[in-house]
Amino acid sequence: MLIYHIVLPSVWDSYKDRSSYQAESLQTEGFIHCSYANQLETVLKRYYENAGTVLILNIETEKLTSKLIEEPSTNNEIYPHIYGSINIDAITDVAERN
């Protein structure tokens, strides 16, 4: 199954050549925020509308080495959260959005 994580290009640039990626939220909240395909447009509009270019990491959940938990978040909607770093080989694509 694919899930998605949105990241700013400047942040991704510092991780793309490493073996794993860690969003700031892993340190501040204990997990990395992700979305399902049907949630992506809403999340982009809610949090990144004025961000300019963003990157969307396509993450294959079967390849993750960190724990994935589906739990309530904004508006009590269920979102996928990754409790640990994202191993780079679980990222199947990086798509640019403006």
Protein backbone atom coordinates (compact mmCIF):
# COMPACT_ATOMS: atom_id res chain seq x y z
CA MET A 1 0.00 0.00 0.00
CA LEU A 2 1.23 3.51 -0.75
CA ILE A 3 1.08 6.37 1.72
CA TYR A 4 2.40 9.89 1.23
CA HIS A 5 4.54 12.39 3.12
CA ILE A 6 4.89 16.04 2.12
CA VAL A 7 8.26 17.72 2.54
CA LEU A 8 9.86 21.00 1.49
CA PRO A 9 12.62 20.63 -1.12
CA SER A 10 15.23 22.22 1.15
CA VAL A 11 14.55 19.63 3.85
CA TRP A 12 14.57 16.70 1.43
CA ASP A 13 17.87 17.85 -0.08
CA SER A 14 19.63 17.15 3.21
CA TYR A 15 18.29 13.56 3.38
CA LYS A 16 18.04 12.27 -0.19
CA ASP A 17 21.54 10.75 -0.15
CA ARG A 18 21.17 9.12 3.28
CA SER A 19 19.82 5.71 4.18
CA SER A 20 16.82 7.14 6.06
CA TYR A 21 14.68 10.26 6.36
CA GLN A 22 13.45 11.89 9.57
CA ALA A 23 10.90 14.68 9.58
CA GLU A 24 11.16 17.26 12.36
CA SER A 25 7.89 15.91 13.77
CA LEU A 26 9.66 12.67 14.70
CA GLN A 27 11.60 14.64 17.34
CA THR A 28 8.77 16.97 18.38
CA GLU A 29 5.77 14.59 18.24
CA GLY A 30 7.32 11.13 18.12
CA PHE A 31 6.14 10.22 14.62
CA ILE A 32 6.15 11.30 10.97
CA HIS A 33 2.85 12.54 9.56
CA CYS A 34 1.63 10.81 6.39
CA SER A 35 -1.56 10.71 4.36
CA TYR A 36 -3.55 8.28 2.28
CA ALA A 37 -4.15 9.18 -1.38
CA ASN A 38 -7.67 10.46 -0.70
CA GLN A 39 -6.35 12.82 2.03
CA LEU A 40 -3.44 14.31 0.10
CA GLU A 41 -5.20 17.25 -1.58
CA THR A 42 -6.85 18.33 1.68
CA VAL A 43 -3.53 18.20 3.56
CA LEU A 44 -1.77 20.14 0.80
CA LYS A 45 -4.43 22.84 0.91
CA ARG A 46 -4.61 22.96 4.73
CA TYR A 47 -0.87 23.10 5.49
CA TYR A 48 1.03 23.90 2.29
CA GLU A 49 -1.18 26.24 0.28
CA ASN A 50 1.35 29.08 0.42
CA ALA A 51 4.51 26.97 0.59
CA GLY A 52 5.34 27.13 -3.10
CA THR A 53 6.98 23.97 -4.36
CA VAL A 54 6.67 20.87 -2.17
CA LEU A 55 7.72 17.28 -2.69
CA ILE A 56 5.47 14.31 -2.13
CA LEU A 57 7.24 11.16 -1.02
CA ASN A 58 5.46 7.98 -2.13
CA ILE A 59 6.10 5.40 0.57
CA GLU A 60 5.53 1.67 0.13
CA THR A 61 4.31 0.52 3.55
CA GLU A 62 5.41 -3.09 3.02
CA LYS A 63 9.02 -1.89 2.76
CA LEU A 64 8.99 0.26 5.92
CA THR A 65 11.32 -0.82 8.70
CA SER A 66 9.67 1.52 11.25
CA LYS A 67 6.29 0.95 12.84
CA LEU A 68 3.23 2.31 10.99
CA ILE A 69 0.16 3.13 13.07
CA GLU A 70 -3.18 4.31 11.76
CA GLU A 71 -4.69 6.71 14.28
CA PRO A 72 -7.02 9.69 14.60
CA SER A 73 -5.62 13.13 13.86
CA THR A 74 -7.21 16.29 12.39
CA ASN A 75 -11.02 16.17 12.62
CA ASN A 76 -10.66 12.71 14.18
CA GLU A 77 -9.89 11.31 10.72
CA ILE A 78 -7.59 8.27 10.61
CA TYR A 79 -4.11 9.02 9.23
CA PRO A 80 -1.00 6.86 8.86
CA HIS A 81 1.83 7.82 11.23
CA ILE A 82 5.34 6.38 11.07
CA TYR A 83 6.99 5.88 14.46
CA GLY A 84 10.61 6.05 13.41
CA SER A 85 12.66 7.09 10.43
CA ILE A 86 11.66 6.25 6.86
CA ASN A 87 14.17 3.95 5.20
CA ILE A 88 15.00 5.39 1.78
CA ASP A 89 14.30 2.13 -0.04
CA ALA A 90 10.64 2.39 1.07
CA ILE A 91 10.33 5.65 -0.90
CA THR A 92 9.26 4.62 -4.39
CA ASP A 93 8.87 8.09 -5.92
CA VAL A 94 9.35 11.77 -5.17
CA ALA A 95 6.88 14.01 -7.00
CA GLU A 96 7.13 17.80 -7.21
CA ARG A 97 4.01 19.93 -6.69
CA ASN A 98 3.63 23.69 -7.09
